[in-house]
Amino acid sequence: MGGPGGFLCGHVAPVLVAAGSRRGDHTYASHAAWTGALLFDDLGLDGLTLVCQDRGGLIGLRLVASHPERSWRVAAADTGLRGTSR
C-alpha cells in the first residue's frame, strides 16, 4: 500500500510463539532468533521502524543490538529487565 509521499508502507506484527509456555525452547534467545529469521531471512526487510512493548521489547532491542546495519528507528514501551532483590 502506498504511504505519504509515495513511500511504501507495511506492517509486520509477529506473535511470540507460545509466550508464557514452560514447554519447548521459549528463551529470549530463541524468540530473537525466530523473529530475526522472519524479518531478515524470510521477508528481507531493512530500514525498519520497530515498535515493541512488554516481553517483545527486550526481544526487539536484542535484534537492534545484533543488527545495527538495518537502519533502525525504535520505540520501546513498558519493557525492561526485572532486577533481583537482595
N, C-alpha and C. Protein backbone atom coordinates (compact mmCIF):
# COMPACT_ATOMS: atom_id res chain seq x y z
N MET A 1 0.83 -1.18 0.00
CA MET A 1 0.00 0.00 0.00
C MET A 1 0.88 1.24 0.00
N GLY A 2 0.44 2.27 -0.59
CA GLY A 2 1.22 3.50 -0.67
C GLY A 2 1.05 4.33 0.57
N GLY A 3 2.09 5.03 0.93
CA GLY A 3 2.05 5.89 2.10
C GLY A 3 2.26 7.33 1.69
N PRO A 4 2.45 8.22 2.64
CA PRO A 4 2.69 9.62 2.34
C PRO A 4 3.88 9.81 1.42
N GLY A 5 3.74 10.63 0.42
CA GLY A 5 4.84 10.90 -0.49
C GLY A 5 5.18 9.74 -1.39
N GLY A 6 4.31 8.76 -1.48
CA GLY A 6 4.55 7.62 -2.36
C GLY A 6 5.46 6.56 -1.77
N PHE A 7 5.85 6.71 -0.51
CA PHE A 7 6.69 5.69 0.12
C PHE A 7 5.87 4.43 0.36
N LEU A 8 6.51 3.29 0.23
CA LEU A 8 5.85 2.03 0.51
C LEU A 8 5.79 1.82 2.02
N CYS A 9 4.62 1.57 2.55
CA CYS A 9 4.43 1.34 3.98
C CYS A 9 3.91 -0.07 4.20
N GLY A 10 4.35 -0.71 5.24
CA GLY A 10 3.85 -2.04 5.57
C GLY A 10 3.99 -2.29 7.05
N HIS A 11 3.30 -3.30 7.52
CA HIS A 11 3.31 -3.62 8.94
C HIS A 11 3.52 -5.12 9.09
N VAL A 12 4.35 -5.49 10.03
CA VAL A 12 4.55 -6.88 10.39
C VAL A 12 4.36 -6.96 11.90
N ALA A 13 3.51 -7.83 12.35
CA ALA A 13 3.24 -7.96 13.78
C ALA A 13 3.39 -9.43 14.19
N PRO A 14 4.64 -9.87 14.39
CA PRO A 14 4.83 -11.26 14.78
C PRO A 14 4.32 -11.52 16.20
N VAL A 15 3.76 -12.67 16.39
CA VAL A 15 3.28 -13.10 17.71
C VAL A 15 4.32 -14.05 18.29
N LEU A 16 4.67 -13.85 19.54
CA LEU A 16 5.65 -14.73 20.17
C LEU A 16 5.08 -16.13 20.29
N VAL A 17 5.85 -17.09 19.84
CA VAL A 17 5.42 -18.48 19.84
C VAL A 17 5.29 -18.99 21.27
N ALA A 18 4.09 -19.40 21.64
CA ALA A 18 3.81 -19.99 22.96
C ALA A 18 4.38 -19.16 24.10
N ALA A 19 4.24 -17.85 24.00
CA ALA A 19 4.74 -16.98 25.07
C ALA A 19 4.13 -17.41 26.40
N GLY A 20 4.95 -17.57 27.38
CA GLY A 20 4.48 -17.98 28.70
C GLY A 20 4.47 -19.48 28.92
N SER A 21 4.71 -20.24 27.85
CA SER A 21 4.72 -21.69 27.97
C SER A 21 6.01 -22.17 28.63
N ARG A 22 5.93 -23.20 29.40
CA ARG A 22 7.11 -23.78 30.03
C ARG A 22 7.64 -24.96 29.22
N ARG A 23 6.95 -25.31 28.15
CA ARG A 23 7.39 -26.43 27.31
C ARG A 23 8.13 -25.90 26.10
N GLY A 24 9.17 -26.59 25.70
CA GLY A 24 9.90 -26.21 24.50
C GLY A 24 10.93 -25.13 24.76
N ASP A 25 11.55 -24.67 23.69
CA ASP A 25 12.60 -23.67 23.77
C ASP A 25 12.00 -22.28 23.59
N HIS A 26 11.61 -21.66 24.67
CA HIS A 26 10.98 -20.34 24.61
C HIS A 26 11.80 -19.32 25.38
N THR A 27 13.10 -19.28 25.08
CA THR A 27 14.00 -18.34 25.71
C THR A 27 14.01 -17.03 24.92
N TYR A 28 14.56 -15.97 25.53
CA TYR A 28 14.71 -14.72 24.79
C TYR A 28 15.55 -14.94 23.54
N ALA A 29 16.61 -15.75 23.68
CA ALA A 29 17.50 -16.00 22.54
C ALA A 29 16.75 -16.69 21.40
N SER A 30 15.92 -17.67 21.71
CA SER A 30 15.20 -18.37 20.64
C SER A 30 14.15 -17.47 20.00
N HIS A 31 13.45 -16.67 20.80
CA HIS A 31 12.46 -15.74 20.22
C HIS A 31 13.14 -14.69 19.35
N ALA A 32 14.29 -14.19 19.79
CA ALA A 32 15.03 -13.22 18.98
C ALA A 32 15.49 -13.86 17.67
N ALA A 33 15.94 -15.11 17.73
CA ALA A 33 16.37 -15.81 16.51
C ALA A 33 15.20 -16.02 15.56
N TRP A 34 14.05 -16.45 16.08
CA TRP A 34 12.88 -16.67 15.22
C TRP A 34 12.40 -15.36 14.61
N THR A 35 12.35 -14.30 15.40
CA THR A 35 11.88 -13.01 14.90
C THR A 35 12.86 -12.45 13.87
N GLY A 36 14.16 -12.58 14.15
CA GLY A 36 15.17 -12.14 13.19
C GLY A 36 15.08 -12.90 11.88
N ALA A 37 14.87 -14.21 11.96
CA ALA A 37 14.73 -15.01 10.74
C ALA A 37 13.52 -14.56 9.92
N LEU A 38 12.41 -14.25 10.60
CA LEU A 38 11.22 -13.77 9.90
C LEU A 38 11.48 -12.43 9.22
N LEU A 39 12.01 -11.46 9.98
CA LEU A 39 12.20 -10.12 9.44
C LEU A 39 13.26 -10.05 8.36
N PHE A 40 14.39 -10.74 8.56
CA PHE A 40 15.53 -10.58 7.67
C PHE A 40 15.63 -11.67 6.62
N ASP A 41 15.53 -12.92 7.02
CA ASP A 41 15.69 -14.02 6.06
C ASP A 41 14.44 -14.23 5.20
N ASP A 42 13.29 -14.32 5.86
CA ASP A 42 12.06 -14.61 5.13
C ASP A 42 11.51 -13.39 4.38
N LEU A 43 11.47 -12.24 5.06
CA LEU A 43 10.86 -11.04 4.45
C LEU A 43 11.89 -10.08 3.86
N GLY A 44 13.16 -10.22 4.21
CA GLY A 44 14.22 -9.38 3.66
C GLY A 44 14.05 -7.90 3.96
N LEU A 45 13.56 -7.56 5.15
CA LEU A 45 13.28 -6.17 5.49
C LEU A 45 14.53 -5.41 5.90
N ASP A 46 14.51 -4.12 5.67
CA ASP A 46 15.60 -3.22 6.02
C ASP A 46 15.00 -1.84 6.26
N GLY A 47 15.74 -0.94 6.93
CA GLY A 47 15.22 0.39 7.20
C GLY A 47 13.98 0.35 8.05
N LEU A 48 14.02 -0.42 9.12
CA LEU A 48 12.83 -0.71 9.92
C LEU A 48 12.54 0.32 11.00
N THR A 49 11.27 0.49 11.27
CA THR A 49 10.80 1.18 12.46
C THR A 49 10.23 0.11 13.37
N LEU A 50 10.83 -0.06 14.52
CA LEU A 50 10.43 -1.10 15.46
C LEU A 50 9.62 -0.48 16.59
N VAL A 51 8.41 -0.95 16.76
CA VAL A 51 7.57 -0.55 17.89
C VAL A 51 7.32 -1.82 18.69
N CYS A 52 7.81 -1.84 19.92
CA CYS A 52 7.70 -3.06 20.70
C CYS A 52 7.38 -2.72 22.15
N GLN A 53 6.79 -3.70 22.84
CA GLN A 53 6.42 -3.49 24.22
C GLN A 53 6.44 -4.79 24.99
N ASP A 54 6.49 -4.67 26.29
CA ASP A 54 6.49 -5.80 27.21
C ASP A 54 7.64 -6.75 26.86
N ARG A 55 7.41 -8.04 26.83
CA ARG A 55 8.47 -9.01 26.54
C ARG A 55 9.05 -8.81 25.15
N GLY A 56 8.22 -8.40 24.20
CA GLY A 56 8.68 -8.15 22.84
C GLY A 56 9.68 -7.01 22.77
N GLY A 57 9.64 -6.11 23.74
CA GLY A 57 10.60 -5.01 23.77
C GLY A 57 12.02 -5.51 23.94
N LEU A 58 12.22 -6.45 24.83
CA LEU A 58 13.56 -6.99 25.05
C LEU A 58 14.04 -7.79 23.84
N ILE A 59 13.13 -8.51 23.23
CA ILE A 59 13.48 -9.27 22.03
C ILE A 59 13.82 -8.31 20.89
N GLY A 60 13.00 -7.28 20.72
CA GLY A 60 13.27 -6.29 19.67
C GLY A 60 14.57 -5.55 19.88
N LEU A 61 14.84 -5.15 21.12
CA LEU A 61 16.09 -4.44 21.40
C LEU A 61 17.30 -5.34 21.21
N ARG A 62 17.13 -6.62 21.45
CA ARG A 62 18.22 -7.56 21.17
C ARG A 62 18.51 -7.61 19.67
N LEU A 63 17.45 -7.58 18.85
CA LEU A 63 17.65 -7.56 17.39
C LEU A 63 18.35 -6.28 16.95
N VAL A 64 17.97 -5.16 17.54
CA VAL A 64 18.60 -3.87 17.21
C VAL A 64 20.09 -3.94 17.52
N ALA A 65 20.45 -4.47 18.68
CA ALA A 65 21.85 -4.54 19.08
C ALA A 65 22.66 -5.48 18.18
N SER A 66 22.03 -6.55 17.73
CA SER A 66 22.77 -7.53 16.93
C SER A 66 22.75 -7.24 15.43
N HIS A 67 21.91 -6.30 14.99
CA HIS A 67 21.83 -5.95 13.57
C HIS A 67 21.78 -4.43 13.38
N PRO A 68 22.82 -3.71 13.82
CA PRO A 68 22.78 -2.24 13.72
C PRO A 68 22.75 -1.73 12.28
N GLU A 69 23.15 -2.55 11.34
CA GLU A 69 23.18 -2.14 9.93
C GLU A 69 21.80 -2.03 9.30
N ARG A 70 20.76 -2.40 10.02
CA ARG A 70 19.40 -2.40 9.47
C ARG A 70 18.71 -1.04 9.54
N SER A 71 19.40 0.02 9.93
CA SER A 71 18.87 1.40 9.97
C SER A 71 17.61 1.49 10.81
N TRP A 72 17.71 1.21 12.07
CA TRP A 72 16.58 1.15 12.98
C TRP A 72 16.08 2.51 13.44
N ARG A 73 14.79 2.60 13.61
CA ARG A 73 14.11 3.62 14.42
C ARG A 73 13.33 2.81 15.44
N VAL A 74 13.43 3.17 16.71
CA VAL A 74 12.89 2.30 17.76
C VAL A 74 12.01 3.08 18.73
N ALA A 75 10.86 2.48 19.05
CA ALA A 75 10.01 2.94 20.15
C ALA A 75 9.73 1.73 21.01
N ALA A 76 10.25 1.74 22.23
CA ALA A 76 10.05 0.63 23.16
C ALA A 76 9.26 1.14 24.36
N ALA A 77 8.19 0.44 24.70
CA ALA A 77 7.32 0.88 25.79
C ALA A 77 7.06 -0.27 26.75
N ASP A 78 6.93 0.07 28.01
CA ASP A 78 6.57 -0.89 29.04
C ASP A 78 7.42 -2.16 28.95
N THR A 79 8.73 -1.97 28.89
CA THR A 79 9.63 -3.10 28.77
C THR A 79 10.84 -2.87 29.66
N GLY A 80 11.48 -3.93 30.06
CA GLY A 80 12.69 -3.82 30.88
C GLY A 80 13.01 -5.15 31.52
N LEU A 81 14.16 -5.19 32.11
CA LEU A 81 14.60 -6.39 32.82
C LEU A 81 14.19 -6.30 34.27
N ARG A 82 13.74 -7.37 34.81
CA ARG A 82 13.42 -7.40 36.23
C ARG A 82 14.72 -7.52 37.01
N GLY A 83 14.86 -6.69 38.00
CA GLY A 83 16.02 -6.78 38.87
C GLY A 83 15.81 -7.84 39.93
N THR A 84 16.89 -8.23 40.52
CA THR A 84 16.77 -9.18 41.63
C THR A 84 16.91 -8.41 42.93
N SER A 85 16.10 -8.73 43.89
CA SER A 85 16.19 -8.06 45.18
C SER A 85 17.19 -8.79 46.05
N ARG A 86 17.90 -8.03 46.84
CA ARG A 86 18.91 -8.64 47.72
C ARG A 86 18.58 -8.34 49.13
